[in-house]
Amino acid sequence: MAEWCIPAKTVAFLGSSGVGKSTLTNALSGVGKIETQAIREDDAKGRHTTTRRQLHMVQGGCLVLDTPGMRELQMMNTASGIDDLFADLQALSIDCRFNDCQHETEPGCAVRKALENGQIDKARLHRWRKLIAEDAFNSASLAERRSKDKAFGKMVREVTKQKSRNKRHGH
C-alpha cells in the first residue's frame, strides 16, 4: 500500500463490516488506537465495530479515512459531472438526428460517426455509456424501483403458476 499512502494524500477504506478496515488502519498508523474486535469463533467472520467515519494520520504523512461497513456504494445525481467530464461526447450527441439517441444503432448518430472516423476512442465511449446508465439507474426513485420489482415479481409468479398448470395437464 506504500504507493498510495504518501504524504499529502488521503486514502479511504471501504468494505463490508468486519473485513479489517480498522485493523489495516491500525497497522499503517503503528499506534493501534482504533478499537477492533476479534473474529467470531463460530464462523470466523469479523465483527462490526466502527460506527462513524474518522480520519487518521498514518506514518509518512498520509491520511486514512476509516469508515463503518457498507453494503453498497453508488453514484447519485451525477449527470452534470458526467457531462463535464465527457464534454466532447456530450457536444457530439447534440448533433444526433434523434434527441433520445442511445448512440448504438440509430441512424444519424453523430457519436457513432465520430467513432467510425477515429475522432473518439471506443473505450471512452463505453465508459461514458456505462456512467450514464449507472446514473440513470441510481437516480430512479426508490418507489420506481419497488414498482418495477413488484411488477417483475408478479410476472415470475404468473409464469410459475402457468408452468405448474401445464405440468398437471401434461403439457
Protein backbone atom coordinates (compact mmCIF):
# COMPACT_ATOMS: atom_id res chain seq x y z
CA MET A 1 0.00 0.00 0.00
CA ALA A 2 3.04 2.24 0.15
CA GLU A 3 2.40 3.64 -3.33
CA TRP A 4 -0.97 5.03 -2.19
CA CYS A 5 -0.04 6.06 1.36
CA ILE A 6 2.21 9.01 0.58
CA PRO A 7 2.44 12.45 2.22
CA ALA A 8 -0.45 14.84 1.48
CA LYS A 9 -2.67 12.05 0.11
CA THR A 10 -5.90 10.72 1.55
CA VAL A 11 -6.91 7.07 1.24
CA ALA A 12 -10.36 5.73 2.15
CA PHE A 13 -11.03 2.15 3.20
CA LEU A 14 -14.47 0.93 2.15
CA GLY A 15 -15.99 -2.51 2.56
CA SER A 16 -18.38 -4.69 4.49
CA SER A 17 -18.43 -4.79 8.27
CA GLY A 18 -15.70 -6.87 9.84
CA VAL A 19 -13.37 -7.16 6.85
CA GLY A 20 -10.45 -5.45 8.60
CA LYS A 21 -10.56 -1.79 7.57
CA SER A 22 -9.78 -0.56 11.09
CA THR A 23 -7.18 -3.27 11.65
CA LEU A 24 -5.43 -2.20 8.47
CA THR A 25 -5.57 1.46 9.54
CA ASN A 26 -4.05 0.49 12.91
CA ALA A 27 -1.27 -1.40 11.16
CA LEU A 28 -0.48 1.57 8.94
CA SER A 29 -0.50 4.05 11.82
CA GLY A 30 1.66 1.88 14.04
CA VAL A 31 -0.34 3.08 17.04
CA GLY A 32 -3.33 0.72 17.25
CA LYS A 33 -5.66 3.34 18.70
CA ILE A 34 -8.77 2.29 16.75
CA GLU A 35 -10.99 -0.18 18.58
CA THR A 36 -11.32 -3.56 16.85
CA GLN A 37 -12.77 -6.92 17.83
CA ALA A 38 -11.56 -10.46 17.32
CA ILE A 39 -13.27 -12.54 14.67
CA ARG A 40 -16.25 -14.65 15.74
CA GLU A 41 -15.23 -18.17 16.62
CA ASP A 42 -18.37 -19.86 15.32
CA ASP A 43 -17.98 -18.69 11.70
CA ALA A 44 -14.54 -16.96 11.62
CA LYS A 45 -16.08 -13.69 10.42
CA GLY A 46 -15.22 -10.19 11.53
CA ARG A 47 -17.45 -8.10 13.77
CA HIS A 48 -18.94 -4.69 13.20
CA THR A 49 -17.06 -2.22 15.42
CA THR A 50 -16.59 1.14 13.67
CA THR A 51 -19.67 3.37 13.98
CA ARG A 52 -18.53 6.59 12.28
CA ARG A 53 -16.15 7.88 9.63
CA GLN A 54 -12.87 9.01 11.08
CA LEU A 55 -9.70 10.45 9.55
CA HIS A 56 -6.37 9.12 10.84
CA MET A 57 -2.81 10.32 10.22
CA VAL A 58 -0.55 7.38 9.45
CA GLN A 59 3.22 7.10 9.21
CA GLY A 60 4.68 9.17 6.39
CA GLY A 61 2.01 11.88 6.48
CA CYS A 62 -0.82 10.10 4.68
CA LEU A 63 -4.40 10.46 5.90
CA VAL A 64 -6.59 7.34 6.05
CA LEU A 65 -10.37 7.57 6.21
CA ASP A 66 -11.72 4.61 8.18
CA THR A 67 -15.42 4.01 7.55
CA PRO A 68 -18.16 1.84 9.02
CA GLY A 69 -19.15 -1.20 6.97
CA MET A 70 -21.14 -0.53 3.84
CA ARG A 71 -23.19 -2.95 1.80
CA GLU A 72 -23.37 -0.82 -1.32
CA LEU A 73 -21.88 2.31 -2.84
CA GLN A 74 -23.42 4.10 -5.77
CA MET A 75 -23.33 7.37 -7.63
CA MET A 76 -26.31 9.70 -7.30
CA ASN A 77 -27.26 12.79 -9.31
CA THR A 78 -24.01 12.92 -11.23
CA ALA A 79 -25.34 13.92 -14.67
CA SER A 80 -23.68 17.35 -14.66
CA GLY A 81 -20.33 15.86 -13.61
CA ILE A 82 -20.56 13.24 -16.35
CA ASP A 83 -21.43 15.96 -18.87
CA ASP A 84 -18.39 17.98 -17.77
CA LEU A 85 -16.04 15.00 -17.85
CA PHE A 86 -17.27 13.88 -21.27
CA ALA A 87 -17.97 17.34 -22.73
CA ASP A 88 -16.65 16.24 -26.14
CA LEU A 89 -19.12 13.34 -26.36
CA GLN A 90 -21.93 15.46 -24.96
CA ALA A 91 -21.28 18.10 -27.63
CA LEU A 92 -21.29 15.45 -30.36
CA SER A 93 -24.58 14.00 -29.10
CA ILE A 94 -26.32 17.33 -29.71
CA ASP A 95 -25.81 16.75 -33.44
CA CYS A 96 -27.52 13.33 -33.41
CA ARG A 97 -30.68 13.09 -35.54
CA PHE A 98 -32.78 11.94 -32.57
CA ASN A 99 -32.93 13.71 -29.19
CA ASP A 100 -33.15 10.37 -27.37
CA CYS A 101 -30.31 8.76 -29.34
CA GLN A 102 -28.62 5.94 -27.43
CA HIS A 103 -25.61 6.03 -29.77
CA GLU A 104 -26.00 2.34 -30.54
CA THR A 105 -27.79 1.63 -33.85
CA GLU A 106 -29.81 4.78 -34.55
CA PRO A 107 -29.40 6.37 -37.99
CA GLY A 108 -27.86 9.83 -37.98
CA CYS A 109 -25.88 9.30 -34.78
CA ALA A 110 -23.08 11.86 -34.62
CA VAL A 111 -21.33 9.97 -31.82
CA ARG A 112 -21.12 6.71 -33.80
CA LYS A 113 -19.96 8.65 -36.85
CA ALA A 114 -17.14 10.21 -34.80
CA LEU A 115 -16.21 6.74 -33.53
CA GLU A 116 -16.10 5.35 -37.08
CA ASN A 117 -13.93 8.32 -38.19
CA GLY A 118 -11.49 7.71 -35.34
CA GLN A 119 -12.30 11.05 -33.65
CA ILE A 120 -13.20 9.38 -30.37
CA ASP A 121 -11.91 6.34 -28.50
CA LYS A 122 -14.15 3.27 -28.26
CA ALA A 123 -13.18 2.62 -24.62
CA ARG A 124 -14.01 6.24 -23.69
CA LEU A 125 -17.40 5.93 -25.38
CA HIS A 126 -18.02 2.70 -23.45
CA ARG A 127 -17.17 4.40 -20.12
CA TRP A 128 -19.50 7.31 -20.96
CA ARG A 129 -22.40 4.98 -21.80
CA LYS A 130 -21.77 2.97 -18.65
CA LEU A 131 -21.73 6.04 -16.37
CA ILE A 132 -24.88 7.47 -17.98
CA ALA A 133 -26.68 4.15 -17.47
CA GLU A 134 -25.49 3.86 -13.87
CA ASP A 135 -26.55 7.43 -13.10
CA ALA A 136 -29.98 6.87 -14.65
CA PHE A 137 -30.47 3.70 -12.63
CA ASN A 138 -29.28 5.21 -9.36
CA SER A 139 -31.27 8.40 -9.84
CA ALA A 140 -34.52 6.49 -10.20
CA SER A 141 -36.61 6.90 -7.09
CA LEU A 142 -36.95 4.11 -4.59
CA ALA A 143 -40.66 3.98 -5.37
CA GLU A 144 -39.93 3.44 -9.07
CA ARG A 145 -37.53 0.62 -8.26
CA ARG A 146 -40.00 -1.01 -5.90
CA SER A 147 -42.73 -0.71 -8.52
CA LYS A 148 -40.53 -2.38 -11.14
CA ASP A 149 -39.51 -5.08 -8.64
CA LYS A 150 -43.14 -5.69 -7.72
CA ALA A 151 -44.17 -5.98 -11.38
CA PHE A 152 -41.30 -8.38 -12.05
CA GLY A 153 -42.24 -10.48 -9.03
CA LYS A 154 -45.84 -10.65 -10.24
CA MET A 155 -44.68 -11.79 -13.69
CA VAL A 156 -42.46 -14.50 -12.14
CA ARG A 157 -45.37 -15.76 -10.02
CA GLU A 158 -47.66 -15.88 -13.07
CA VAL A 159 -45.09 -17.82 -15.12
CA THR A 160 -44.52 -20.23 -12.23
CA LYS A 161 -48.29 -20.76 -11.88
CA GLN A 162 -48.62 -21.40 -15.61
CA LYS A 163 -45.76 -23.93 -15.54
CA SER A 164 -47.46 -25.75 -12.65
CA ARG A 165 -50.75 -25.86 -14.56
CA ASN A 166 -49.02 -27.18 -17.66
CA LYS A 167 -47.31 -29.96 -15.67
CA ARG A 168 -50.62 -31.04 -14.13
CA HIS A 169 -52.29 -31.18 -17.52
CA GLY A 170 -49.40 -33.00 -19.19
CA HIS A 171 -48.20 -30.14 -21.43
